[in-house]
Amino acid sequence: MLRAILFGWSLLCTAAFGDDAASATRSPQFTGEGLLLRPGHYREWIYLTSGLDMSYSPATSMGHFFDNVFVNPEAYAAFVATGTWPDKTMLIIEVRNAESKSSINKSGNFQGAKVAGLEVHVKDRARFADQWAFFEFENGAPAKMIPRSAECYSCHAAHAAVDTTFVQFYPTLLPIAWSQGTLSPDYRKENPSSESKK
């Protein structure tokens, strides 16, 4: 009996400490030099969408690829409740090559096993003057912030549906933003016909 009680207590403590550790890794972690640490187990976060060969430049040709978007669970829960992103939000874009020749596949494309790129869009009011910043990981090393002069900042500021993020491409979240009234004026102006799709 005592052994069962001790075993149960051990499981309870492990679960409690495990949850704390998991929560810590689901918020942005930085080195002393301001480099972003690569989020662990992000594929266990909330999956938002996948895109195929998406590009925001008309003449871009990069081959075929998928991008998968994940967000930390706490941020997702807050967005569902409010229609906007809380502080410490991390949106992760994972890029994988599109492949077609393997096993029994005869048509279409599937995602390759190797991650070809990993970018993170982070909201941290205390750290960034404009609240949000972009980071790109290479070889798993801590990532430097992408400079503010990069086109991604101005593009997101001008075209994002919610809080400088491309919620217009997240099919489960766009209706929430409509209902909560959190869509940006610029997005509404660019997409007047979307009002009828709420």
C-alpha atoms as a PDB file:
ATOM      1  CA  MET A   1       0.000   0.000   0.000  1.00  0.00           C
ATOM      2  CA  LEU A   2       2.765   2.410   0.957  1.00  0.00           C
ATOM      3  CA  ARG A   3       4.573   1.590  -2.282  1.00  0.00           C
ATOM      4  CA  ALA A   4       1.443   2.433  -4.289  1.00  0.00           C
ATOM      5  CA  ILE A   5       1.017   5.735  -2.454  1.00  0.00           C
ATOM      6  CA  LEU A   6       4.661   6.680  -3.004  1.00  0.00           C
ATOM      7  CA  PHE A   7       4.434   5.702  -6.667  1.00  0.00           C
ATOM      8  CA  GLY A   8       1.298   7.809  -7.093  1.00  0.00           C
ATOM      9  CA  TRP A   9       2.986  10.777  -5.384  1.00  0.00           C
ATOM     10  CA  SER A  10       6.003  10.355  -7.658  1.00  0.00           C
ATOM     11  CA  LEU A  11       3.786  10.459 -10.756  1.00  0.00           C
ATOM     12  CA  LEU A  12       1.975  13.532  -9.464  1.00  0.00           C
ATOM     13  CA  CYS A  13       5.241  15.384  -8.841  1.00  0.00           C
ATOM     14  CA  THR A  14       6.632  14.372 -12.220  1.00  0.00           C
ATOM     15  CA  ALA A  15       3.497  15.629 -13.970  1.00  0.00           C
ATOM     16  CA  ALA A  16       3.581  18.919 -12.067  1.00  0.00           C
ATOM     17  CA  PHE A  17       7.255  19.622 -12.739  1.00  0.00           C
ATOM     18  CA  GLY A  18       6.898  18.403 -16.311  1.00  0.00           C
ATOM     19  CA  ASP A  19       4.104  20.890 -16.950  1.00  0.00           C
ATOM     20  CA  ASP A  20       6.223  23.731 -15.532  1.00  0.00           C
ATOM     21  CA  ALA A  21       9.139  22.797 -17.764  1.00  0.00           C
ATOM     22  CA  ALA A  22       6.899  22.548 -20.805  1.00  0.00           C
ATOM     23  CA  SER A  23       5.346  25.948 -20.093  1.00  0.00           C
ATOM     24  CA  ALA A  24       8.778  27.526 -19.807  1.00  0.00           C
ATOM     25  CA  THR A  25       9.746  26.320 -23.274  1.00  0.00           C
ATOM     26  CA  ARG A  26       6.473  27.610 -24.791  1.00  0.00           C
ATOM     27  CA  SER A  27       7.411  31.230 -24.185  1.00  0.00           C
ATOM     28  CA  PRO A  28      10.328  32.949 -25.929  1.00  0.00           C
ATOM     29  CA  GLN A  29      13.720  32.249 -24.355  1.00  0.00           C
ATOM     30  CA  PHE A  30      16.703  34.480 -25.131  1.00  0.00           C
ATOM     31  CA  THR A  31      20.432  34.330 -24.507  1.00  0.00           C
ATOM     32  CA  GLY A  32      22.218  37.178 -22.745  1.00  0.00           C
ATOM     33  CA  GLU A  33      23.132  38.528 -26.194  1.00  0.00           C
ATOM     34  CA  GLY A  34      19.487  38.670 -27.271  1.00  0.00           C
ATOM     35  CA  LEU A  35      19.552  35.578 -29.473  1.00  0.00           C
ATOM     36  CA  LEU A  36      16.348  33.546 -29.554  1.00  0.00           C
ATOM     37  CA  LEU A  37      16.675  29.932 -28.478  1.00  0.00           C
ATOM     38  CA  ARG A  38      15.083  27.402 -30.815  1.00  0.00           C
ATOM     39  CA  PRO A  39      11.719  26.353 -29.332  1.00  0.00           C
ATOM     40  CA  GLY A  40      11.678  22.672 -28.479  1.00  0.00           C
ATOM     41  CA  HIS A  41       8.764  20.363 -29.314  1.00  0.00           C
ATOM     42  CA  TYR A  42       6.994  23.072 -31.303  1.00  0.00           C
ATOM     43  CA  ARG A  43       5.259  20.398 -33.388  1.00  0.00           C
ATOM     44  CA  GLU A  44       3.263  19.574 -30.253  1.00  0.00           C
ATOM     45  CA  TRP A  45       1.887  23.134 -30.260  1.00  0.00           C
ATOM     46  CA  ILE A  46      -1.332  24.212 -31.982  1.00  0.00           C
ATOM     47  CA  TYR A  47      -1.232  23.647 -35.733  1.00  0.00           C
ATOM     48  CA  LEU A  48      -2.788  26.544 -37.671  1.00  0.00           C
ATOM     49  CA  THR A  49      -2.318  25.899 -41.380  1.00  0.00           C
ATOM     50  CA  SER A  50      -0.106  24.744 -44.245  1.00  0.00           C
ATOM     51  CA  GLY A  51       0.670  26.591 -47.452  1.00  0.00           C
ATOM     52  CA  LEU A  52       1.993  25.205 -50.724  1.00  0.00           C
ATOM     53  CA  ASP A  53       4.400  27.316 -52.811  1.00  0.00           C
ATOM     54  CA  MET A  54       3.185  30.540 -51.188  1.00  0.00           C
ATOM     55  CA  SER A  55       5.058  33.731 -52.058  1.00  0.00           C
ATOM     56  CA  TYR A  56       4.329  37.406 -51.524  1.00  0.00           C
ATOM     57  CA  SER A  57       6.492  38.434 -54.502  1.00  0.00           C
ATOM     58  CA  PRO A  58       5.051  37.929 -58.016  1.00  0.00           C
ATOM     59  CA  ALA A  59       8.254  36.712 -59.716  1.00  0.00           C
ATOM     60  CA  THR A  60       9.537  34.346 -57.017  1.00  0.00           C
ATOM     61  CA  SER A  61      10.516  30.823 -58.068  1.00  0.00           C
ATOM     62  CA  MET A  62      11.923  28.675 -55.275  1.00  0.00           C
ATOM     63  CA  GLY A  63      10.815  25.210 -56.265  1.00  0.00           C
ATOM     64  CA  HIS A  64       7.924  23.456 -54.570  1.00  0.00           C
ATOM     65  CA  PHE A  65       7.642  23.641 -50.800  1.00  0.00           C
ATOM     66  CA  PHE A  66       5.175  23.502 -47.918  1.00  0.00           C
ATOM     67  CA  ASP A  67       5.117  25.819 -44.947  1.00  0.00           C
ATOM     68  CA  ASN A  68       3.461  24.722 -41.704  1.00  0.00           C
ATOM     69  CA  VAL A  69       2.440  27.226 -39.038  1.00  0.00           C
ATOM     70  CA  PHE A  70       2.306  26.468 -35.311  1.00  0.00           C
ATOM     71  CA  VAL A  71       1.576  28.709 -32.316  1.00  0.00           C
ATOM     72  CA  ASN A  72       2.217  28.219 -28.619  1.00  0.00           C
ATOM     73  CA  PRO A  73      -0.930  26.903 -26.873  1.00  0.00           C
ATOM     74  CA  GLU A  74      -1.287  29.823 -24.458  1.00  0.00           C
ATOM     75  CA  ALA A  75      -1.331  32.324 -27.309  1.00  0.00           C
ATOM     76  CA  TYR A  76      -3.862  30.253 -29.223  1.00  0.00           C
ATOM     77  CA  ALA A  77      -6.227  30.112 -26.240  1.00  0.00           C
ATOM     78  CA  ALA A  78      -5.974  33.873 -25.796  1.00  0.00           C
ATOM     79  CA  PHE A  79      -6.668  34.491 -29.487  1.00  0.00           C
ATOM     80  CA  VAL A  80      -9.745  32.272 -29.443  1.00  0.00           C
ATOM     81  CA  ALA A  81     -11.055  34.279 -26.471  1.00  0.00           C
ATOM     82  CA  THR A  82     -10.149  37.788 -27.651  1.00  0.00           C
ATOM     83  CA  GLY A  83      -9.348  37.764 -31.370  1.00  0.00           C
ATOM     84  CA  THR A  84      -5.833  39.084 -30.855  1.00  0.00           C
ATOM     85  CA  TRP A  85      -2.437  37.839 -29.747  1.00  0.00           C
ATOM     86  CA  PRO A  86      -1.150  38.172 -26.169  1.00  0.00           C
ATOM     87  CA  ASP A  87       2.353  39.060 -25.115  1.00  0.00           C
ATOM     88  CA  LYS A  88       4.859  36.173 -25.526  1.00  0.00           C
ATOM     89  CA  THR A  89       3.122  34.819 -28.628  1.00  0.00           C
ATOM     90  CA  MET A  90       5.360  32.706 -30.858  1.00  0.00           C
ATOM     91  CA  LEU A  91       4.242  31.845 -34.383  1.00  0.00           C
ATOM     92  CA  ILE A  92       6.524  29.295 -36.028  1.00  0.00           C
ATOM     93  CA  ILE A  93       6.787  28.724 -39.768  1.00  0.00           C
ATOM     94  CA  GLU A  94       8.377  25.405 -40.637  1.00  0.00           C
ATOM     95  CA  VAL A  95       9.367  24.943 -44.291  1.00  0.00           C
ATOM     96  CA  ARG A  96       9.643  21.504 -45.904  1.00  0.00           C
ATOM     97  CA  ASN A  97      10.351  20.612 -49.514  1.00  0.00           C
ATOM     98  CA  ALA A  98       7.481  19.185 -51.552  1.00  0.00           C
ATOM     99  CA  GLU A  99       8.235  15.693 -52.808  1.00  0.00           C
ATOM    100  CA  SER A 100       6.339  13.443 -55.193  1.00  0.00           C
ATOM    101  CA  LYS A 101       8.372  10.296 -55.830  1.00  0.00           C
ATOM    102  CA  SER A 102       8.282   7.803 -52.988  1.00  0.00           C
ATOM    103  CA  SER A 103       6.553   4.583 -52.044  1.00  0.00           C
ATOM    104  CA  ILE A 104       3.167   4.156 -53.767  1.00  0.00           C
ATOM    105  CA  ASN A 105       2.547   7.835 -54.537  1.00  0.00           C
ATOM    106  CA  LYS A 106       1.522   8.387 -58.174  1.00  0.00           C
ATOM    107  CA  SER A 107       0.202  11.951 -58.082  1.00  0.00           C
ATOM    108  CA  GLY A 108       0.451  15.113 -56.055  1.00  0.00           C
ATOM    109  CA  ASN A 109       2.990  16.136 -53.430  1.00  0.00           C
ATOM    110  CA  PHE A 110       3.815  15.322 -49.831  1.00  0.00           C
ATOM    111  CA  GLN A 111       6.126  16.942 -47.308  1.00  0.00           C
ATOM    112  CA  GLY A 112       9.739  15.854 -47.093  1.00  0.00           C
ATOM    113  CA  ALA A 113      11.206  14.655 -43.818  1.00  0.00           C
ATOM    114  CA  LYS A 114      13.901  17.326 -43.595  1.00  0.00           C
ATOM    115  CA  VAL A 115      13.102  20.794 -42.275  1.00  0.00           C
ATOM    116  CA  ALA A 116      14.424  23.226 -44.891  1.00  0.00           C
ATOM    117  CA  GLY A 117      13.747  26.408 -42.914  1.00  0.00           C
ATOM    118  CA  LEU A 118      12.430  27.616 -39.566  1.00  0.00           C
ATOM    119  CA  GLU A 119      11.288  31.153 -38.778  1.00  0.00           C
ATOM    120  CA  VAL A 120       9.637  32.580 -35.671  1.00  0.00           C
ATOM    121  CA  HIS A 121       7.475  35.689 -35.268  1.00  0.00           C
ATOM    122  CA  VAL A 122       7.677  36.739 -31.609  1.00  0.00           C
ATOM    123  CA  LYS A 123       5.608  39.216 -29.627  1.00  0.00           C
ATOM    124  CA  ASP A 124       7.467  40.619 -26.628  1.00  0.00           C
ATOM    125  CA  ARG A 125       6.444  44.098 -25.550  1.00  0.00           C
ATOM    126  CA  ALA A 126       9.295  44.549 -23.073  1.00  0.00           C
ATOM    127  CA  ARG A 127      11.992  43.512 -25.545  1.00  0.00           C
ATOM    128  CA  PHE A 128      10.887  45.023 -28.874  1.00  0.00           C
ATOM    129  CA  ALA A 129       9.900  48.637 -29.442  1.00  0.00           C
ATOM    130  CA  ASP A 130       7.351  47.587 -32.072  1.00  0.00           C
ATOM    131  CA  GLN A 131       6.236  44.584 -29.976  1.00  0.00           C
ATOM    132  CA  TRP A 132       6.971  42.030 -32.726  1.00  0.00           C
ATOM    133  CA  ALA A 133      10.198  40.689 -34.249  1.00  0.00           C
ATOM    134  CA  PHE A 134      11.230  37.999 -36.737  1.00  0.00           C
ATOM    135  CA  PHE A 135      13.947  35.393 -36.258  1.00  0.00           C
ATOM    136  CA  GLU A 136      15.336  32.789 -38.645  1.00  0.00           C
ATOM    137  CA  PHE A 137      17.079  29.654 -37.388  1.00  0.00           C
ATOM    138  CA  GLU A 138      20.024  28.042 -39.136  1.00  0.00           C
ATOM    139  CA  ASN A 139      21.467  24.686 -38.073  1.00  0.00           C
ATOM    140  CA  GLY A 140      19.622  24.776 -34.741  1.00  0.00           C
ATOM    141  CA  ALA A 141      21.827  27.561 -33.346  1.00  0.00           C
ATOM    142  CA  PRO A 142      20.258  30.484 -31.436  1.00  0.00           C
ATOM    143  CA  ALA A 143      18.842  32.988 -33.912  1.00  0.00           C
ATOM    144  CA  LYS A 144      19.603  36.658 -34.437  1.00  0.00           C
ATOM    145  CA  MET A 145      16.697  39.006 -34.930  1.00  0.00           C
ATOM    146  CA  ILE A 146      16.072  39.777 -38.593  1.00  0.00           C
ATOM    147  CA  PRO A 147      16.945  43.480 -39.064  1.00  0.00           C
ATOM    148  CA  ARG A 148      14.081  45.977 -39.049  1.00  0.00           C
ATOM    149  CA  SER A 149      15.070  47.038 -42.551  1.00  0.00           C
ATOM    150  CA  ALA A 150      13.938  43.642 -43.908  1.00  0.00           C
ATOM    151  CA  GLU A 151      10.869  43.689 -46.116  1.00  0.00           C
ATOM    152  CA  CYS A 152       8.952  41.257 -43.896  1.00  0.00           C
ATOM    153  CA  TYR A 153       8.292  43.986 -41.314  1.00  0.00           C
ATOM    154  CA  SER A 154       6.783  46.513 -43.704  1.00  0.00           C
ATOM    155  CA  CYS A 155       4.816  43.795 -45.516  1.00  0.00           C
ATOM    156  CA  HIS A 156       3.260  42.516 -42.300  1.00  0.00           C
ATOM    157  CA  ALA A 157       2.515  46.039 -41.110  1.00  0.00           C
ATOM    158  CA  ALA A 158       0.746  46.874 -44.377  1.00  0.00           C
ATOM    159  CA  HIS A 159      -1.149  43.660 -45.117  1.00  0.00           C
ATOM    160  CA  ALA A 160      -1.633  41.623 -41.929  1.00  0.00           C
ATOM    161  CA  ALA A 161      -5.183  40.848 -40.890  1.00  0.00           C
ATOM    162  CA  VAL A 162      -4.565  41.007 -37.124  1.00  0.00           C
ATOM    163  CA  ASP A 163      -1.774  42.583 -35.077  1.00  0.00           C
ATOM    164  CA  THR A 164       0.843  42.378 -37.880  1.00  0.00           C
ATOM    165  CA  THR A 165       0.158  38.653 -38.369  1.00  0.00           C
ATOM    166  CA  PHE A 166      -1.281  36.966 -41.454  1.00  0.00           C
ATOM    167  CA  VAL A 167      -4.401  35.578 -39.798  1.00  0.00           C
ATOM    168  CA  GLN A 168      -6.073  35.776 -43.232  1.00  0.00           C
ATOM    169  CA  PHE A 169      -4.268  32.500 -44.011  1.00  0.00           C
ATOM    170  CA  TYR A 170      -5.349  30.740 -40.784  1.00  0.00           C
ATOM    171  CA  PRO A 171      -8.800  29.334 -41.632  1.00  0.00           C
ATOM    172  CA  THR A 172      -9.860  28.531 -38.070  1.00  0.00           C
ATOM    173  CA  LEU A 173      -8.850  31.947 -36.699  1.00  0.00           C
ATOM    174  CA  LEU A 174     -10.048  34.373 -39.368  1.00  0.00           C
ATOM    175  CA  PRO A 175     -13.745  33.922 -38.447  1.00  0.00           C
ATOM    176  CA  ILE A 176     -12.847  34.597 -34.799  1.00  0.00           C
ATOM    177  CA  ALA A 177     -11.146  37.856 -35.744  1.00  0.00           C
ATOM    178  CA  TRP A 178     -14.233  38.838 -37.765  1.00  0.00           C
ATOM    179  CA  SER A 179     -16.561  38.122 -34.859  1.00  0.00           C
ATOM    180  CA  GLN A 180     -14.307  39.884 -32.319  1.00  0.00           C
ATOM    181  CA  GLY A 181     -13.873  42.940 -34.555  1.00  0.00           C
ATOM    182  CA  THR A 182     -10.068  42.766 -34.423  1.00  0.00           C
ATOM    183  CA  LEU A 183      -9.288  42.809 -38.148  1.00  0.00           C
ATOM    184  CA  SER A 184      -7.005  45.659 -39.163  1.00  0.00           C
ATOM    185  CA  PRO A 185      -8.449  48.567 -41.174  1.00  0.00           C
ATOM    186  CA  ASP A 186      -5.871  47.941 -43.912  1.00  0.00           C
ATOM    187  CA  TYR A 187      -6.955  44.323 -44.279  1.00  0.00           C
ATOM    188  CA  ARG A 188     -10.627  45.305 -44.426  1.00  0.00           C
ATOM    189  CA  LYS A 189      -9.834  47.885 -47.095  1.00  0.00           C
ATOM    190  CA  GLU A 190      -7.869  45.356 -49.170  1.00  0.00           C
ATOM    191  CA  ASN A 191     -10.541  42.657 -48.826  1.00  0.00           C
ATOM    192  CA  PRO A 192     -13.995  44.313 -48.859  1.00  0.00           C
ATOM    193  CA  SER A 193     -15.625  41.170 -50.277  1.00  0.00           C
ATOM    194  CA  SER A 194     -14.481  39.136 -47.265  1.00  0.00           C
ATOM    195  CA  GLU A 195     -17.207  40.720 -45.143  1.00  0.00           C
ATOM    196  CA  SER A 196     -19.778  38.472 -46.810  1.00  0.00           C
ATOM    197  CA  LYS A 197     -17.778  35.348 -45.926  1.00  0.00           C
ATOM    198  CA  LYS A 198     -17.920  35.783 -42.175  1.00  0.00           C
END
